């Protein structure tokens, strides 16, 4: 049903278009370039910011979770338009697996630093040796 505005301006309603299974991954690739620690841009990227100033910097768990959420959203989009139930089930399992990785990042390999230390230990107090006091018993060198 056309509104008064559409009638007055001669706007014809669009025919419903068939949905495409093609998804837009530009946001994913853009964010991947932002958190990447290498100088190589992704395949779909034309511009790269190059390597970070700190070559030892790694993405934070929050950034990795955001990146996985972007992939998860795309998988959910594909699952809604899947051609058959087997494909939908496969995509649903992928989404669930990504959710587990987001909730428990320790399952992922290589994302957490290997140099984790136990910070609950107290720092040991170093007691200076008393030998230094015995070197000048008469106080001649003070």
Protein backbone atom coordinates (compact mmCIF):
# COMPACT_ATOMS: atom_id res chain seq x y z
CA UNK A 1 0.00 0.00 0.00
CA UNK A 2 1.44 3.32 -1.08
CA UNK A 3 1.61 6.30 1.27
CA UNK A 4 0.38 9.77 0.33
CA UNK A 5 3.97 10.90 -0.19
CA UNK A 6 4.69 8.03 -2.60
CA UNK A 7 1.53 8.79 -4.59
CA UNK A 8 2.26 12.54 -4.84
CA UNK A 9 5.87 12.06 -5.92
CA UNK A 10 5.29 9.10 -8.19
CA UNK A 11 7.46 6.70 -6.20
CA UNK A 12 6.87 3.10 -7.13
CA UNK A 13 7.49 0.45 -4.47
CA UNK A 14 10.48 -1.78 -5.02
CA UNK A 15 9.97 -5.41 -5.79
CA UNK A 16 11.31 -7.68 -3.06
CA UNK A 17 14.81 -8.77 -3.98
CA UNK A 18 16.15 -12.22 -3.36
CA UNK A 19 18.66 -12.32 -0.54
CA UNK A 20 22.25 -13.05 -1.31
CA UNK A 21 24.47 -15.37 0.70
CA UNK A 22 27.42 -13.07 0.09
CA UNK A 23 28.55 -11.42 3.30
CA UNK A 24 30.54 -8.23 3.77
CA UNK A 25 33.82 -8.91 5.57
CA UNK A 26 35.29 -5.42 5.13
CA UNK A 27 34.82 -4.54 8.81
CA UNK A 28 36.55 -7.76 9.80
CA UNK A 29 39.52 -7.14 7.51
CA UNK A 30 39.79 -3.51 8.60
CA UNK A 31 39.88 -4.45 12.28
CA UNK A 32 42.29 -7.30 11.56
CA UNK A 33 44.67 -4.80 9.94
CA UNK A 34 44.39 -2.56 13.01
CA UNK A 35 45.37 -5.24 15.51
CA UNK A 36 47.78 -7.15 13.28
CA UNK A 37 51.41 -7.06 14.35
CA UNK A 38 52.81 -7.78 10.88
CA UNK A 39 53.46 -5.37 8.02
CA UNK A 40 51.53 -7.55 5.56
CA UNK A 41 48.01 -6.30 4.87
CA UNK A 42 45.17 -8.74 4.44
CA UNK A 43 44.16 -9.82 0.94
CA UNK A 44 41.13 -7.53 0.72
CA UNK A 45 42.91 -4.51 2.16
CA UNK A 46 44.41 -1.91 -0.11
CA UNK A 47 45.85 0.30 2.61
CA UNK A 48 47.83 -0.88 5.57
CA UNK A 49 49.06 1.13 8.48
CA UNK A 50 52.25 -0.92 8.50
CA UNK A 51 53.84 -2.44 11.56
CA UNK A 52 53.08 -1.01 14.98
CA UNK A 53 55.61 1.13 16.82
CA UNK A 54 56.10 -1.63 19.35
CA UNK A 55 57.05 -4.84 17.53
CA UNK A 56 56.42 -6.88 20.71
CA UNK A 57 52.84 -5.66 21.15
CA UNK A 58 50.16 -8.29 20.83
CA UNK A 59 46.39 -7.86 20.54
CA UNK A 60 44.57 -7.72 23.85
CA UNK A 61 42.00 -10.40 24.71
CA UNK A 62 39.30 -7.74 24.25
CA UNK A 63 40.48 -7.07 20.68
CA UNK A 64 40.60 -10.78 19.89
CA UNK A 65 37.09 -11.23 21.30
CA UNK A 66 35.85 -8.36 19.14
CA UNK A 67 37.41 -9.93 16.06
CA UNK A 68 35.83 -13.29 16.85
CA UNK A 69 32.45 -11.59 17.40
CA UNK A 70 32.67 -10.13 13.88
CA UNK A 71 33.27 -13.61 12.44
CA UNK A 72 30.49 -15.00 14.62
CA UNK A 73 28.01 -12.40 13.32
CA UNK A 74 28.87 -13.32 9.74
CA UNK A 75 28.39 -17.03 10.45
CA UNK A 76 25.00 -16.28 12.02
CA UNK A 77 24.03 -14.31 8.92
CA UNK A 78 24.94 -17.25 6.72
CA UNK A 79 23.06 -19.65 8.99
CA UNK A 80 19.81 -17.72 8.57
CA UNK A 81 19.96 -18.14 4.78
CA UNK A 82 21.47 -21.61 4.62
CA UNK A 83 20.22 -23.76 1.75
CA UNK A 84 19.81 -26.95 3.78
CA UNK A 85 19.59 -28.09 7.43
CA UNK A 86 23.04 -29.74 7.40
CA UNK A 87 24.67 -26.45 6.41
CA UNK A 88 22.68 -24.60 9.07
CA UNK A 89 23.76 -27.13 11.73
CA UNK A 90 27.40 -26.80 10.69
CA UNK A 91 27.28 -22.99 10.91
CA UNK A 92 25.51 -23.18 14.26
CA UNK A 93 28.30 -25.40 15.62
CA UNK A 94 30.90 -22.92 14.33
CA UNK A 95 29.08 -20.07 16.08
CA UNK A 96 28.97 -22.09 19.32
CA UNK A 97 32.68 -22.89 19.02
CA UNK A 98 33.51 -19.21 18.54
CA UNK A 99 31.40 -18.37 21.59
CA UNK A 100 33.43 -20.85 23.68
CA UNK A 101 36.68 -19.29 22.41
CA UNK A 102 35.41 -15.82 23.34
CA UNK A 103 34.34 -16.89 26.83
CA UNK A 104 37.51 -18.89 27.52
CA UNK A 105 40.44 -17.35 25.60
CA UNK A 106 42.93 -19.77 27.18
CA UNK A 107 41.69 -22.42 24.74
CA UNK A 108 43.24 -20.48 21.88
CA UNK A 109 46.89 -21.12 21.17
CA UNK A 110 49.38 -18.29 20.98
CA UNK A 111 47.16 -15.45 22.15
CA UNK A 112 48.31 -15.15 25.74
CA UNK A 113 51.89 -14.31 26.66
CA UNK A 114 54.06 -17.24 27.65
CA UNK A 115 55.91 -15.21 30.26
CA UNK A 116 53.09 -15.34 32.83
CA UNK A 117 54.47 -15.17 36.34
CA UNK A 118 52.89 -15.78 39.69
CA UNK A 119 52.33 -12.25 40.96
CA UNK A 120 51.01 -13.41 44.30
CA UNK A 121 54.55 -14.10 45.59
CA UNK A 122 56.16 -11.39 47.70
CA UNK A 123 59.40 -9.88 46.57
CA UNK A 124 62.36 -11.22 48.54
CA UNK A 125 64.18 -8.66 50.66
CA UNK A 126 67.91 -8.65 50.00
CA UNK A 127 70.00 -8.23 53.18
CA UNK A 128 73.36 -6.54 52.53
CA UNK A 129 76.46 -8.40 53.62
CA UNK A 130 78.19 -7.19 56.74
CA UNK A 131 81.65 -7.73 55.18
CA UNK A 132 81.70 -4.16 53.85
CA UNK A 133 81.67 -2.76 57.40
CA UNK A 134 84.71 -4.81 58.44
CA UNK A 135 86.97 -3.50 55.66
CA UNK A 136 87.67 -0.21 57.42
CA UNK A 137 87.74 -0.98 61.15
CA UNK A 138 89.60 2.21 62.16
CA UNK A 139 87.48 4.57 60.01
CA UNK A 140 90.50 5.84 58.08
CA UNK A 141 88.79 5.84 54.69
CA UNK A 142 85.54 7.59 55.59
